[in-house]
Amino acid sequence: FDIAFLLAPAAEGNSDLVVQVRATPKGVFRLFTPLVARTLPK
């Protein structure tokens, strides 16, 4: 599981935040990739 938080300055002292997530099921858990794909966004 890889996750990155990227920040950039935005107008009026705010920030733009980007959260990037990558999940790679391994072994027999690769069978759960469709479930991970459905639940990861939520």
Full PDB file with SEQRES, HELIX, SHEET, SSBOND, CRYST1, ORIGX, SCALE, CONECT and MASTER records, all heavy atoms in Angstrom:
SEQRES   1 A   42  PHE ASP ILE ALA PHE LEU LEU ALA PRO ALA ALA GLU GLY          
SEQRES   2 A   42  ASN SER ASP LEU VAL VAL GLN VAL ARG ALA THR PRO LYS          
SEQRES   3 A   42  GLY VAL PHE ARG LEU PHE THR PRO LEU VAL ALA ARG THR          
SEQRES   4 A   42  LEU PRO LYS                                                  
HELIX    1 AA1 ALA A   11  GLY A   13  5                                   3    
HELIX    2 AA2 GLY A   27  PHE A   32  5                                   6    
HELIX    3 AA3 THR A   33  THR A   39  1                                   7    
SHEET    1 AA1 2 ASP A   2  PRO A   9  0                                        
SHEET    2 AA1 2 SER A  15  ARG A  22 -1                                        
CRYST1    1.000    1.000    1.000  90.00  90.00  90.00 P 1           1          
ORIGX1      1.000000  0.000000  0.000000        0.00000                         
ORIGX2      0.000000  1.000000  0.000000        0.00000                         
ORIGX3      0.000000  0.000000  1.000000        0.00000                         
SCALE1      1.000000  0.000000  0.000000        0.00000                         
SCALE2      0.000000  1.000000  0.000000        0.00000                         
SCALE3      0.000000  0.000000  1.000000        0.00000                         
ATOM      1  N   PHE A   1       0.857  -1.177   0.000  1.00  0.00           N  
ATOM      2  CA  PHE A   1       0.000   0.000   0.000  1.00  0.00           C  
ATOM      3  C   PHE A   1       0.892   1.226   0.000  1.00  0.00           C  
ATOM      4  O   PHE A   1       1.730   1.381   0.893  1.00  0.00           O  
ATOM      5  CB  PHE A   1      -0.872  -0.047   1.269  1.00  0.00           C  
ATOM      6  CG  PHE A   1      -1.935   0.987   1.336  1.00  0.00           C  
ATOM      7  CD1 PHE A   1      -3.153   0.799   0.703  1.00  0.00           C  
ATOM      8  CD2 PHE A   1      -1.736   2.151   2.059  1.00  0.00           C  
ATOM      9  CE1 PHE A   1      -4.153   1.748   0.782  1.00  0.00           C  
ATOM     10  CE2 PHE A   1      -2.726   3.105   2.145  1.00  0.00           C  
ATOM     11  CZ  PHE A   1      -3.935   2.905   1.502  1.00  0.00           C  
ATOM     12  N   ASP A   2       0.760   2.072  -1.009  1.00  0.00           N  
ATOM     13  CA  ASP A   2       1.522   3.316  -1.104  1.00  0.00           C  
ATOM     14  C   ASP A   2       0.561   4.483  -1.018  1.00  0.00           C  
ATOM     15  O   ASP A   2      -0.497   4.468  -1.665  1.00  0.00           O  
ATOM     16  CB  ASP A   2       2.267   3.386  -2.445  1.00  0.00           C  
ATOM     17  CG  ASP A   2       3.305   2.294  -2.571  1.00  0.00           C  
ATOM     18  OD1 ASP A   2       4.334   2.388  -1.897  1.00  0.00           O  
ATOM     19  OD2 ASP A   2       3.071   1.337  -3.343  1.00  0.00           O  
ATOM     20  N   ILE A   3       0.939   5.488  -0.235  1.00  0.00           N  
ATOM     21  CA  ILE A   3       0.118   6.686  -0.122  1.00  0.00           C  
ATOM     22  C   ILE A   3       1.026   7.901  -0.085  1.00  0.00           C  
ATOM     23  O   ILE A   3       2.084   7.879   0.538  1.00  0.00           O  
ATOM     24  CB  ILE A   3      -0.811   6.628   1.110  1.00  0.00           C  
ATOM     25  CG1 ILE A   3      -1.769   7.804   1.116  1.00  0.00           C  
ATOM     26  CG2 ILE A   3      -0.019   6.523   2.407  1.00  0.00           C  
ATOM     27  CD1 ILE A   3      -2.936   7.643   2.059  1.00  0.00           C  
ATOM     28  N   ALA A   4       0.613   8.935  -0.815  1.00  0.00           N  
ATOM     29  CA  ALA A   4       1.382  10.182  -0.860  1.00  0.00           C  
ATOM     30  C   ALA A   4       0.433  11.346  -0.625  1.00  0.00           C  
ATOM     31  O   ALA A   4      -0.706  11.345  -1.094  1.00  0.00           O  
ATOM     32  CB  ALA A   4       2.070  10.339  -2.215  1.00  0.00           C  
ATOM     33  N   PHE A   5       0.916  12.322   0.125  1.00  0.00           N  
ATOM     34  CA  PHE A   5       0.194  13.566   0.374  1.00  0.00           C  
ATOM     35  C   PHE A   5       1.017  14.690  -0.243  1.00  0.00           C  
ATOM     36  O   PHE A   5       2.163  14.902   0.145  1.00  0.00           O  
ATOM     37  CB  PHE A   5       0.036  13.809   1.877  1.00  0.00           C  
ATOM     38  CG  PHE A   5      -0.655  12.703   2.602  1.00  0.00           C  
ATOM     39  CD1 PHE A   5       0.062  11.747   3.294  1.00  0.00           C  
ATOM     40  CD2 PHE A   5      -2.037  12.607   2.591  1.00  0.00           C  
ATOM     41  CE1 PHE A   5      -0.570  10.720   3.968  1.00  0.00           C  
ATOM     42  CE2 PHE A   5      -2.689  11.581   3.260  1.00  0.00           C  
ATOM     43  CZ  PHE A   5      -1.952  10.639   3.952  1.00  0.00           C  
ATOM     44  N   LEU A   6       0.439  15.390  -1.231  1.00  0.00           N  
ATOM     45  CA  LEU A   6       1.129  16.475  -1.913  1.00  0.00           C  
ATOM     46  C   LEU A   6       0.413  17.786  -1.606  1.00  0.00           C  
ATOM     47  O   LEU A   6      -0.824  17.848  -1.662  1.00  0.00           O  
ATOM     48  CB  LEU A   6       1.130  16.243  -3.421  1.00  0.00           C  
ATOM     49  CG  LEU A   6       1.888  15.021  -3.910  1.00  0.00           C  
ATOM     50  CD1 LEU A   6       0.996  13.800  -3.874  1.00  0.00           C  
ATOM     51  CD2 LEU A   6       2.401  15.252  -5.290  1.00  0.00           C  
ATOM     52  N   LEU A   7       1.179  18.820  -1.320  1.00  0.00           N  
ATOM     53  CA  LEU A   7       0.620  20.125  -0.978  1.00  0.00           C  
ATOM     54  C   LEU A   7       1.157  21.197  -1.899  1.00  0.00           C  
ATOM     55  O   LEU A   7       2.329  21.175  -2.284  1.00  0.00           O  
ATOM     56  CB  LEU A   7       1.011  20.498   0.457  1.00  0.00           C  
ATOM     57  CG  LEU A   7       0.308  19.730   1.549  1.00  0.00           C  
ATOM     58  CD1 LEU A   7       1.048  19.888   2.866  1.00  0.00           C  
ATOM     59  CD2 LEU A   7      -1.117  20.222   1.676  1.00  0.00           C  
ATOM     60  N   ALA A   8       0.298  22.153  -2.211  1.00  0.00           N  
ATOM     61  CA  ALA A   8       0.696  23.333  -2.985  1.00  0.00           C  
ATOM     62  C   ALA A   8      -0.034  24.535  -2.409  1.00  0.00           C  
ATOM     63  O   ALA A   8      -1.190  24.421  -1.985  1.00  0.00           O  
ATOM     64  CB  ALA A   8       0.343  23.158  -4.460  1.00  0.00           C  
ATOM     65  N   PRO A   9       0.630  25.682  -2.376  1.00  0.00           N  
ATOM     66  CA  PRO A   9      -0.052  26.891  -1.911  1.00  0.00           C  
ATOM     67  C   PRO A   9      -1.217  27.233  -2.833  1.00  0.00           C  
ATOM     68  O   PRO A   9      -1.158  27.019  -4.037  1.00  0.00           O  
ATOM     69  CB  PRO A   9       1.027  27.976  -1.997  1.00  0.00           C  
ATOM     70  CG  PRO A   9       2.316  27.273  -2.178  1.00  0.00           C  
ATOM     71  CD  PRO A   9       2.013  25.929  -2.769  1.00  0.00           C  
ATOM     72  N   ALA A  10      -2.274  27.757  -2.235  1.00  0.00           N  
ATOM     73  CA  ALA A  10      -3.444  28.219  -2.987  1.00  0.00           C  
ATOM     74  C   ALA A  10      -3.767  29.638  -2.500  1.00  0.00           C  
ATOM     75  O   ALA A  10      -3.182  30.130  -1.539  1.00  0.00           O  
ATOM     76  CB  ALA A  10      -4.617  27.282  -2.781  1.00  0.00           C  
ATOM     77  N   ALA A  11      -4.697  30.251  -3.140  1.00  0.00           N  
ATOM     78  CA  ALA A  11      -5.053  31.642  -2.834  1.00  0.00           C  
ATOM     79  C   ALA A  11      -5.442  31.829  -1.369  1.00  0.00           C  
ATOM     80  O   ALA A  11      -5.968  30.920  -0.726  1.00  0.00           O  
ATOM     81  CB  ALA A  11      -6.208  32.083  -3.741  1.00  0.00           C  
ATOM     82  N   GLU A  12      -5.166  33.012  -0.873  1.00  0.00           N  
ATOM     83  CA  GLU A  12      -5.606  33.462   0.447  1.00  0.00           C  
ATOM     84  C   GLU A  12      -5.150  32.565   1.587  1.00  0.00           C  
ATOM     85  O   GLU A  12      -5.893  32.316   2.538  1.00  0.00           O  
ATOM     86  CB  GLU A  12      -7.126  33.624   0.457  1.00  0.00           C  
ATOM     87  CG  GLU A  12      -7.604  34.634  -0.568  1.00  0.00           C  
ATOM     88  CD  GLU A  12      -9.128  34.706  -0.658  1.00  0.00           C  
ATOM     89  OE1 GLU A  12      -9.811  34.197   0.246  1.00  0.00           O  
ATOM     90  OE2 GLU A  12      -9.608  35.280  -1.641  1.00  0.00           O  
ATOM     91  N   GLY A  13      -3.926  32.052   1.520  1.00  0.00           N  
ATOM     92  CA  GLY A  13      -3.381  31.256   2.609  1.00  0.00           C  
ATOM     93  C   GLY A  13      -3.899  29.835   2.685  1.00  0.00           C  
ATOM     94  O   GLY A  13      -3.693  29.148   3.680  1.00  0.00           O  
ATOM     95  N   ASN A  14      -4.585  29.383   1.667  1.00  0.00           N  
ATOM     96  CA  ASN A  14      -5.092  28.014   1.616  1.00  0.00           C  
ATOM     97  C   ASN A  14      -4.059  27.084   0.983  1.00  0.00           C  
ATOM     98  O   ASN A  14      -3.020  27.526   0.511  1.00  0.00           O  
ATOM     99  CB  ASN A  14      -6.395  27.957   0.809  1.00  0.00           C  
ATOM    100  CG  ASN A  14      -7.514  28.712   1.480  1.00  0.00           C  
ATOM    101  OD1 ASN A  14      -7.650  28.693   2.694  1.00  0.00           O  
ATOM    102  ND2 ASN A  14      -8.314  29.403   0.685  1.00  0.00           N  
ATOM    103  N   SER A  15      -4.396  25.801   0.955  1.00  0.00           N  
ATOM    104  CA  SER A  15      -3.537  24.791   0.338  1.00  0.00           C  
ATOM    105  C   SER A  15      -4.376  23.898  -0.555  1.00  0.00           C  
ATOM    106  O   SER A  15      -5.540  23.638  -0.265  1.00  0.00           O  
ATOM    107  CB  SER A  15      -2.893  23.900   1.405  1.00  0.00           C  
ATOM    108  OG  SER A  15      -2.129  24.634   2.299  1.00  0.00           O  
ATOM    109  N   ASP A  16      -3.755  23.419  -1.611  1.00  0.00           N  
ATOM    110  CA  ASP A  16      -4.341  22.348  -2.404  1.00  0.00           C  
ATOM    111  C   ASP A  16      -3.653  21.059  -1.989  1.00  0.00           C  
ATOM    112  O   ASP A  16      -2.426  20.953  -2.016  1.00  0.00           O  
ATOM    113  CB  ASP A  16      -4.149  22.596  -3.902  1.00  0.00           C  
ATOM    114  CG  ASP A  16      -5.074  23.690  -4.417  1.00  0.00           C  
ATOM    115  OD1 ASP A  16      -6.169  23.857  -3.841  1.00  0.00           O  
ATOM    116  OD2 ASP A  16      -4.703  24.371  -5.377  1.00  0.00           O  
ATOM    117  N   LEU A  17      -4.458  20.097  -1.571  1.00  0.00           N  
ATOM    118  CA  LEU A  17      -3.975  18.806  -1.111  1.00  0.00           C  
ATOM    119  C   LEU A  17      -4.385  17.744  -2.113  1.00  0.00           C  
ATOM    120  O   LEU A  17      -5.546  17.670  -2.512  1.00  0.00           O  
ATOM    121  CB  LEU A  17      -4.579  18.481   0.262  1.00  0.00           C  
ATOM    122  CG  LEU A  17      -4.364  17.064   0.797  1.00  0.00           C  
ATOM    123  CD1 LEU A  17      -2.887  16.809   1.102  1.00  0.00           C  
ATOM    124  CD2 LEU A  17      -5.225  16.840   2.035  1.00  0.00           C  
ATOM    125  N   VAL A  18      -3.418  16.920  -2.499  1.00  0.00           N  
ATOM    126  CA  VAL A  18      -3.691  15.760  -3.346  1.00  0.00           C  
ATOM    127  C   VAL A  18      -3.246  14.531  -2.556  1.00  0.00           C  
ATOM    128  O   VAL A  18      -2.126  14.481  -2.050  1.00  0.00           O  
ATOM    129  CB  VAL A  18      -2.930  15.837  -4.690  1.00  0.00           C  
ATOM    130  CG1 VAL A  18      -3.169  14.580  -5.519  1.00  0.00           C  
ATOM    131  CG2 VAL A  18      -3.320  17.082  -5.456  1.00  0.00           C  
ATOM    132  N   VAL A  19      -4.151  13.572  -2.447  1.00  0.00           N  
ATOM    133  CA  VAL A  19      -3.855  12.307  -1.785  1.00  0.00           C  
ATOM    134  C   VAL A  19      -3.873  11.226  -2.861  1.00  0.00           C  
ATOM    135  O   VAL A  19      -4.889  11.029  -3.528  1.00  0.00           O  
ATOM    136  CB  VAL A  19      -4.896  11.989  -0.686  1.00  0.00           C  
ATOM    137  CG1 VAL A  19      -4.555  10.664  -0.010  1.00  0.00           C  
ATOM    138  CG2 VAL A  19      -4.984  13.121   0.332  1.00  0.00           C  
ATOM    139  N   GLN A  20      -2.738  10.568  -3.037  1.00  0.00           N  
ATOM    140  CA  GLN A  20      -2.614   9.502  -4.038  1.00  0.00           C  
ATOM    141  C   GLN A  20      -2.448   8.168  -3.314  1.00  0.00           C  
ATOM    142  O   GLN A  20      -1.572   8.029  -2.460  1.00  0.00           O  
ATOM    143  CB  GLN A  20      -1.408   9.751  -4.934  1.00  0.00           C  
ATOM    144  CG  GLN A  20      -1.505  11.034  -5.712  1.00  0.00           C  
ATOM    145  CD  GLN A  20      -0.219  11.371  -6.448  1.00  0.00           C  
ATOM    146  OE1 GLN A  20       0.874  10.996  -6.026  1.00  0.00           O  
ATOM    147  NE2 GLN A  20      -0.359  12.078  -7.552  1.00  0.00           N  
ATOM    148  N   VAL A  21      -3.293   7.205  -3.668  1.00  0.00           N  
ATOM    149  CA  VAL A  21      -3.298   5.905  -3.012  1.00  0.00           C  
ATOM    150  C   VAL A  21      -3.142   4.813  -4.065  1.00  0.00           C  
ATOM    151  O   VAL A  21      -3.808   4.850  -5.099  1.00  0.00           O  
ATOM    152  CB  VAL A  21      -4.630   5.685  -2.246  1.00  0.00           C  
ATOM    153  CG1 VAL A  21      -4.623   4.347  -1.529  1.00  0.00           C  
ATOM    154  CG2 VAL A  21      -4.903   6.824  -1.277  1.00  0.00           C  
ATOM    155  N   ARG A  22      -2.259   3.854  -3.773  1.00  0.00           N  
ATOM    156  CA  ARG A  22      -2.110   2.667  -4.627  1.00  0.00           C  
ATOM    157  C   ARG A  22      -2.086   1.441  -3.731  1.00  0.00           C  
ATOM    158  O   ARG A  22      -1.323   1.392  -2.768  1.00  0.00           O  
ATOM    159  CB  ARG A  22      -0.814   2.724  -5.424  1.00  0.00           C  
ATOM    160  CG  ARG A  22      -0.830   3.729  -6.542  1.00  0.00           C  
ATOM    161  CD  ARG A  22       0.405   3.596  -7.393  1.00  0.00           C  
ATOM    162  NE  ARG A  22       1.563   3.364  -6.554  1.00  0.00           N  
ATOM    163  CZ  ARG A  22       2.742   3.953  -6.712  1.00  0.00           C  
ATOM    164  NH1 ARG A  22       2.924   4.799  -7.686  1.00  0.00           N  
ATOM    165  NH2 ARG A  22       3.741   3.692  -5.906  1.00  0.00           N  
ATOM    166  N   ALA A  23      -2.923   0.476  -4.045  1.00  0.00           N  
ATOM    167  CA  ALA A  23      -2.985  -0.767  -3.283  1.00  0.00           C  
ATOM    168  C   ALA A  23      -2.730  -1.933  -4.231  1.00  0.00           C  
ATOM    169  O   ALA A  23      -3.331  -2.002  -5.306  1.00  0.00           O  
ATOM    170  CB  ALA A  23      -4.356  -0.911  -2.622  1.00  0.00           C  
ATOM    171  N   THR A  24      -1.851  -2.831  -3.825  1.00  0.00           N  
ATOM    172  CA  THR A  24      -1.513  -3.980  -4.652  1.00  0.00           C  
ATOM    173  C   THR A  24      -1.687  -5.254  -3.835  1.00  0.00           C  
ATOM    174  O   THR A  24      -0.817  -5.617  -3.044  1.00  0.00           O  
ATOM    175  CB  THR A  24      -0.052  -3.878  -5.160  1.00  0.00           C  
ATOM    176  OG1 THR A  24       0.142  -2.608  -5.785  1.00  0.00           O  
ATOM    177  CG2 THR A  24       0.271  -4.988  -6.139  1.00  0.00           C  
ATOM    178  N   PRO A  25      -2.838  -5.921  -3.979  1.00  0.00           N  
ATOM    179  CA  PRO A  25      -3.026  -7.201  -3.285  1.00  0.00           C  
ATOM    180  C   PRO A  25      -1.985  -8.212  -3.771  1.00  0.00           C  
ATOM    181  O   PRO A  25      -1.610  -8.224  -4.941  1.00  0.00           O  
ATOM    182  CB  PRO A  25      -4.440  -7.620  -3.686  1.00  0.00           C  
ATOM    183  CG  PRO A  25      -5.116  -6.343  -4.082  1.00  0.00           C  
ATOM    184  CD  PRO A  25      -4.037  -5.509  -4.709  1.00  0.00           C  
ATOM    185  N   LYS A  26      -1.534  -9.066  -2.823  1.00  0.00           N  
ATOM    186  CA  LYS A  26      -0.493 -10.041  -3.133  1.00  0.00           C  
ATOM    187  C   LYS A  26      -1.006 -11.459  -2.906  1.00  0.00           C  
ATOM    188  O   LYS A  26      -1.923 -11.681  -2.117  1.00  0.00           O  
ATOM    189  CB  LYS A  26       0.734  -9.797  -2.259  1.00  0.00           C  
ATOM    190  CG  LYS A  26       1.357  -8.438  -2.461  1.00  0.00           C  
ATOM    191  CD  LYS A  26       2.663  -8.232  -1.731  1.00  0.00           C  
ATOM    192  CE  LYS A  26       2.675  -8.651  -0.302  1.00  0.00           C  
ATOM    193  NZ  LYS A  26       3.899  -8.278   0.407  1.00  0.00           N  
ATOM    194  N   GLY A  27      -0.392 -12.389  -3.607  1.00  0.00           N  
ATOM    195  CA  GLY A  27      -0.712 -13.798  -3.428  1.00  0.00           C  
ATOM    196  C   GLY A  27      -2.177 -14.076  -3.689  1.00  0.00           C  
ATOM    197  O   GLY A  27      -2.787 -13.532  -4.614  1.00  0.00           O  
ATOM    198  N   VAL A  28      -2.761 -14.907  -2.830  1.00  0.00           N  
ATOM    199  CA  VAL A  28      -4.161 -15.282  -2.981  1.00  0.00           C  
ATOM    200  C   VAL A  28      -5.077 -14.066  -2.836  1.00  0.00           C  
ATOM    201  O   VAL A  28      -6.187 -14.052  -3.364  1.00  0.00           O  
ATOM    202  CB  VAL A  28      -4.539 -16.404  -1.982  1.00  0.00           C  
ATOM    203  CG1 VAL A  28      -4.565 -15.881  -0.561  1.00  0.00           C  
ATOM    204  CG2 VAL A  28      -5.855 -17.037  -2.358  1.00  0.00           C  
ATOM    205  N   PHE A  29      -4.623 -13.025  -2.179  1.00  0.00           N  
ATOM    206  CA  PHE A  29      -5.438 -11.824  -1.989  1.00  0.00           C  
ATOM    207  C   PHE A  29      -5.630 -11.039  -3.281  1.00  0.00           C  
ATOM    208  O   PHE A  29      -6.459 -10.135  -3.333  1.00  0.00           O  
ATOM    209  CB  PHE A  29      -4.852 -10.950  -0.880  1.00  0.00           C  
ATOM    210  CG  PHE A  29      -5.045 -11.561   0.469  1.00  0.00           C  
ATOM    211  CD1 PHE A  29      -4.045 -12.336   1.037  1.00  0.00           C  
ATOM    212  CD2 PHE A  29      -6.239 -11.419   1.147  1.00  0.00           C  
ATOM    213  CE1 PHE A  29      -4.227 -12.935   2.268  1.00  0.00           C  
ATOM    214  CE2 PHE A  29      -6.435 -12.014   2.374  1.00  0.00           C  
ATOM    215  CZ  PHE A  29      -5.427 -12.778   2.940  1.00  0.00           C  
ATOM    216  N   ARG A  30      -4.902 -11.391  -4.334  1.00  0.00           N  
ATOM    217  CA  ARG A  30      -5.156 -10.769  -5.648  1.00  0.00           C  
ATOM    218  C   ARG A  30      -6.582 -11.046  -6.111  1.00  0.00           C  
ATOM    219  O   ARG A  30      -7.148 -10.269  -6.875  1.00  0.00           O  
ATOM    220  CB  ARG A  30      -4.152 -11.261  -6.677  1.00  0.00           C  
ATOM    221  CG  ARG A  30      -2.771 -10.667  -6.473  1.00  0.00           C  
ATOM    222  CD  ARG A  30      -1.869 -11.100  -7.565  1.00  0.00           C  
ATOM    223  NE  ARG A  30      -1.798 -12.562  -7.502  1.00  0.00           N  
ATOM    224  CZ  ARG A  30      -0.767 -13.279  -7.885  1.00  0.00           C  
ATOM    225  NH1 ARG A  30       0.263 -12.702  -8.420  1.00  0.00           N  
ATOM    226  NH2 ARG A  30      -0.770 -14.593  -7.774  1.00  0.00           N  
ATOM    227  N   LEU A  31      -7.154 -12.118  -5.612  1.00  0.00           N  
ATOM    228  CA  LEU A  31      -8.548 -12.429  -5.954  1.00  0.00           C  
ATOM    229  C   LEU A  31      -9.505 -11.351  -5.448  1.00  0.00           C  
ATOM    230  O   LEU A  31     -10.611 -11.213  -5.956  1.00  0.00           O  
ATOM    231  CB  LEU A  31      -8.956 -13.787  -5.366  1.00  0.00           C  
ATOM    232  CG  LEU A  31      -8.178 -14.996  -5.883  1.00  0.00           C  
ATOM    233  CD1 LEU A  31      -8.534 -16.240  -5.082  1.00  0.00           C  
ATOM    234  CD2 LEU A  31      -8.455 -15.204  -7.367  1.00  0.00           C  
ATOM    235  N   PHE A  32      -9.076 -10.597  -4.448  1.00  0.00           N  
ATOM    236  CA  PHE A  32      -9.911  -9.544  -3.871  1.00  0.00           C  
ATOM    237  C   PHE A  32      -9.707  -8.183  -4.545  1.00  0.00           C  
ATOM    238  O   PHE A  32     -10.264  -7.190  -4.100  1.00  0.00           O  
ATOM    239  CB  PHE A  32      -9.651  -9.415  -2.365  1.00  0.00           C  
ATOM    240  CG  PHE A  32     -10.077 -10.628  -1.594  1.00  0.00           C  
ATOM    241  CD1 PHE A  32      -9.139 -11.564  -1.179  1.00  0.00           C  
ATOM    242  CD2 PHE A  32     -11.414 -10.850  -1.310  1.00  0.00           C  
ATOM    243  CE1 PHE A  32      -9.526 -12.690  -0.477  1.00  0.00           C  
ATOM    244  CE2 PHE A  32     -11.817 -11.975  -0.606  1.00  0.00           C  
ATOM    245  CZ  PHE A  32     -10.869 -12.898  -0.186  1.00  0.00           C  
ATOM    246  N   THR A  33      -8.940  -8.138  -5.616  1.00  0.00           N  
ATOM    247  CA  THR A  33      -8.690  -6.868  -6.304  1.00  0.00           C  
ATOM    248  C   THR A  33      -9.985  -6.158  -6.698  1.00  0.00           C  
ATOM    249  O   THR A  33     -10.101  -4.945  -6.480  1.00  0.00           O  
ATOM    250  CB  THR A  33      -7.770  -7.084  -7.523  1.00  0.00           C  
ATOM    251  OG1 THR A  33      -6.521  -7.612  -7.053  1.00  0.00           O  
ATOM    252  CG2 THR A  33      -7.520  -5.782  -8.268  1.00  0.00           C  
ATOM    253  N   PRO A  34     -11.005  -6.839  -7.240  1.00  0.00           N  
ATOM    254  CA  PRO A  34     -12.252  -6.125  -7.561  1.00  0.00           C  
ATOM    255  C   PRO A  34     -12.914  -5.510  -6.320  1.00  0.00           C  
ATOM    256  O   PRO A  34     -13.452  -4.404  -6.390  1.00  0.00           O  
ATOM    257  CB  PRO A  34     -13.143  -7.207  -8.180  1.00  0.00           C  
ATOM    258  CG  PRO A  34     -12.190  -8.227  -8.715  1.00  0.00           C  
ATOM    259  CD  PRO A  34     -11.042  -8.230  -7.741  1.00  0.00           C  
ATOM    260  N   LEU A  35     -12.862  -6.191  -5.200  1.00  0.00           N  
ATOM    261  CA  LEU A  35     -13.421  -5.644  -3.961  1.00  0.00           C  
ATOM    262  C   LEU A  35     -12.629  -4.419  -3.508  1.00  0.00           C  
ATOM    263  O   LEU A  35     -13.208  -3.394  -3.122  1.00  0.00           O  
ATOM    264  CB  LEU A  35     -13.427  -6.710  -2.862  1.00  0.00           C  
ATOM    265  CG  LEU A  35     -13.921  -6.239  -1.492  1.00  0.00           C  
ATOM    266  CD1 LEU A  35     -15.382  -5.811  -1.574  1.00  0.00           C  
ATOM    267  CD2 LEU A  35     -13.732  -7.347  -0.464  1.00  0.00           C  
ATOM    268  N   VAL A  36     -11.315  -4.504  -3.577  1.00  0.00           N  
ATOM    269  CA  VAL A  36     -10.463  -3.362  -3.223  1.00  0.00           C  
ATOM    270  C   VAL A  36     -10.775  -2.183  -4.142  1.00  0.00           C  
ATOM    271  O   VAL A  36     -10.901  -1.043  -3.694  1.00  0.00           O  
ATOM    272  CB  VAL A  36      -8.965  -3.736  -3.281  1.00  0.00           C  
ATOM    273  CG1 VAL A  36      -8.078  -2.514  -3.090  1.00  0.00           C  
ATOM    274  CG2 VAL A  36      -8.640  -4.808  -2.241  1.00  0.00           C  
ATOM    275  N   ALA A  37     -10.953  -2.442  -5.425  1.00  0.00           N  
ATOM    276  CA  ALA A  37     -11.261  -1.381  -6.389  1.00  0.00           C  
ATOM    277  C   ALA A  37     -12.590  -0.700  -6.067  1.00  0.00           C  
ATOM    278  O   ALA A  37     -12.749   0.498  -6.301  1.00  0.00           O  
ATOM    279  CB  ALA A  37     -11.283  -1.944  -7.811  1.00  0.00           C  
ATOM    280  N   ARG A  38     -13.551  -1.447  -5.534  1.00  0.00           N  
ATOM    281  CA  ARG A  38     -14.855  -0.865  -5.174  1.00  0.00           C  
ATOM    282  C   ARG A  38     -14.797  -0.080  -3.864  1.00  0.00           C  
ATOM    283  O   ARG A  38     -15.472   0.931  -3.722  1.00  0.00           O  
ATOM    284  CB  ARG A  38     -15.913  -1.964  -5.057  1.00  0.00           C  
ATOM    285  CG  ARG A  38     -16.628  -2.262  -6.342  1.00  0.00           C  
ATOM    286  CD  ARG A  38     -17.898  -3.069  -6.140  1.00  0.00           C  
ATOM    287  NE  ARG A  38     -17.802  -4.171  -5.197  1.00  0.00           N  
ATOM    288  CZ  ARG A  38     -17.355  -5.398  -5.482  1.00  0.00           C  
ATOM    289  NH1 ARG A  38     -16.950  -5.680  -6.706  1.00  0.00           N  
ATOM    290  NH2 ARG A  38     -17.318  -6.335  -4.563  1.00  0.00           N  
ATOM    291  N   THR A  39     -14.036  -0.579  -2.890  1.00  0.00           N  
ATOM    292  CA  THR A  39     -14.048   0.043  -1.562  1.00  0.00           C  
ATOM    293  C   THR A  39     -13.011   1.140  -1.383  1.00  0.00           C  
ATOM    294  O   THR A  39     -13.210   2.039  -0.556  1.00  0.00           O  
ATOM    295  CB  THR A  39     -13.852  -1.015  -0.463  1.00  0.00           C  
ATOM    296  OG1 THR A  39     -12.597  -1.667  -0.655  1.00  0.00           O  
ATOM    297  CG2 THR A  39     -14.983  -2.027  -0.476  1.00  0.00           C  
ATOM    298  N   LEU A  40     -11.930   1.105  -2.139  1.00  0.00           N  
ATOM    299  CA  LEU A  40     -10.856   2.083  -1.952  1.00  0.00           C  
ATOM    300  C   LEU A  40     -11.318   3.532  -2.116  1.00  0.00           C  
ATOM    301  O   LEU A  40     -10.997   4.377  -1.271  1.00  0.00           O  
ATOM    302  CB  LEU A  40      -9.678   1.783  -2.890  1.00  0.00           C  
ATOM    303  CG  LEU A  40      -8.446   2.661  -2.691  1.00  0.00           C  
ATOM    304  CD1 LEU A  40      -7.827   2.440  -1.320  1.00  0.00           C  
ATOM    305  CD2 LEU A  40      -7.426   2.381  -3.792  1.00  0.00           C  
ATOM    306  N   PRO A  41     -12.095   3.878  -3.149  1.00  0.00           N  
ATOM    307  CA  PRO A  41     -12.530   5.277  -3.271  1.00  0.00           C  
ATOM    308  C   PRO A  41     -13.349   5.762  -2.080  1.00  0.00           C  
ATOM    309  O   PRO A  41     -13.096   6.848  -1.546  1.00  0.00           O  
ATOM    310  CB  PRO A  41     -13.358   5.293  -4.556  1.00  0.00           C  
ATOM    311  CG  PRO A  41     -12.840   4.143  -5.354  1.00  0.00           C  
ATOM    312  CD  PRO A  41     -12.487   3.097  -4.323  1.00  0.00           C  
ATOM    313  N   LYS A  42     -14.290   4.979  -1.632  1.00  0.00           N  
ATOM    314  CA  LYS A  42     -15.138   5.390  -0.510  1.00  0.00           C  
ATOM    315  C   LYS A  42     -14.314   5.534   0.774  1.00  0.00           C  
ATOM    316  O   LYS A  42     -14.438   6.524   1.506  1.00  0.00           O  
ATOM    317  CB  LYS A  42     -16.268   4.374  -0.300  1.00  0.00           C  
ATOM    318  CG  LYS A  42     -17.228   4.758   0.783  1.00  0.00           C  
ATOM    319  CD  LYS A  42     -18.358   3.752   0.892  1.00  0.00           C  
ATOM    320  CE  LYS A  42     -19.308   4.131   2.017  1.00  0.00           C  
ATOM    321  NZ  LYS A  42     -20.385   3.171   2.167  1.00  0.00           N  
TER     322      LYS A  42                                                      
MASTER        0    0    0    3    2    0    0    6  321    1    0    4          
END                                                                             
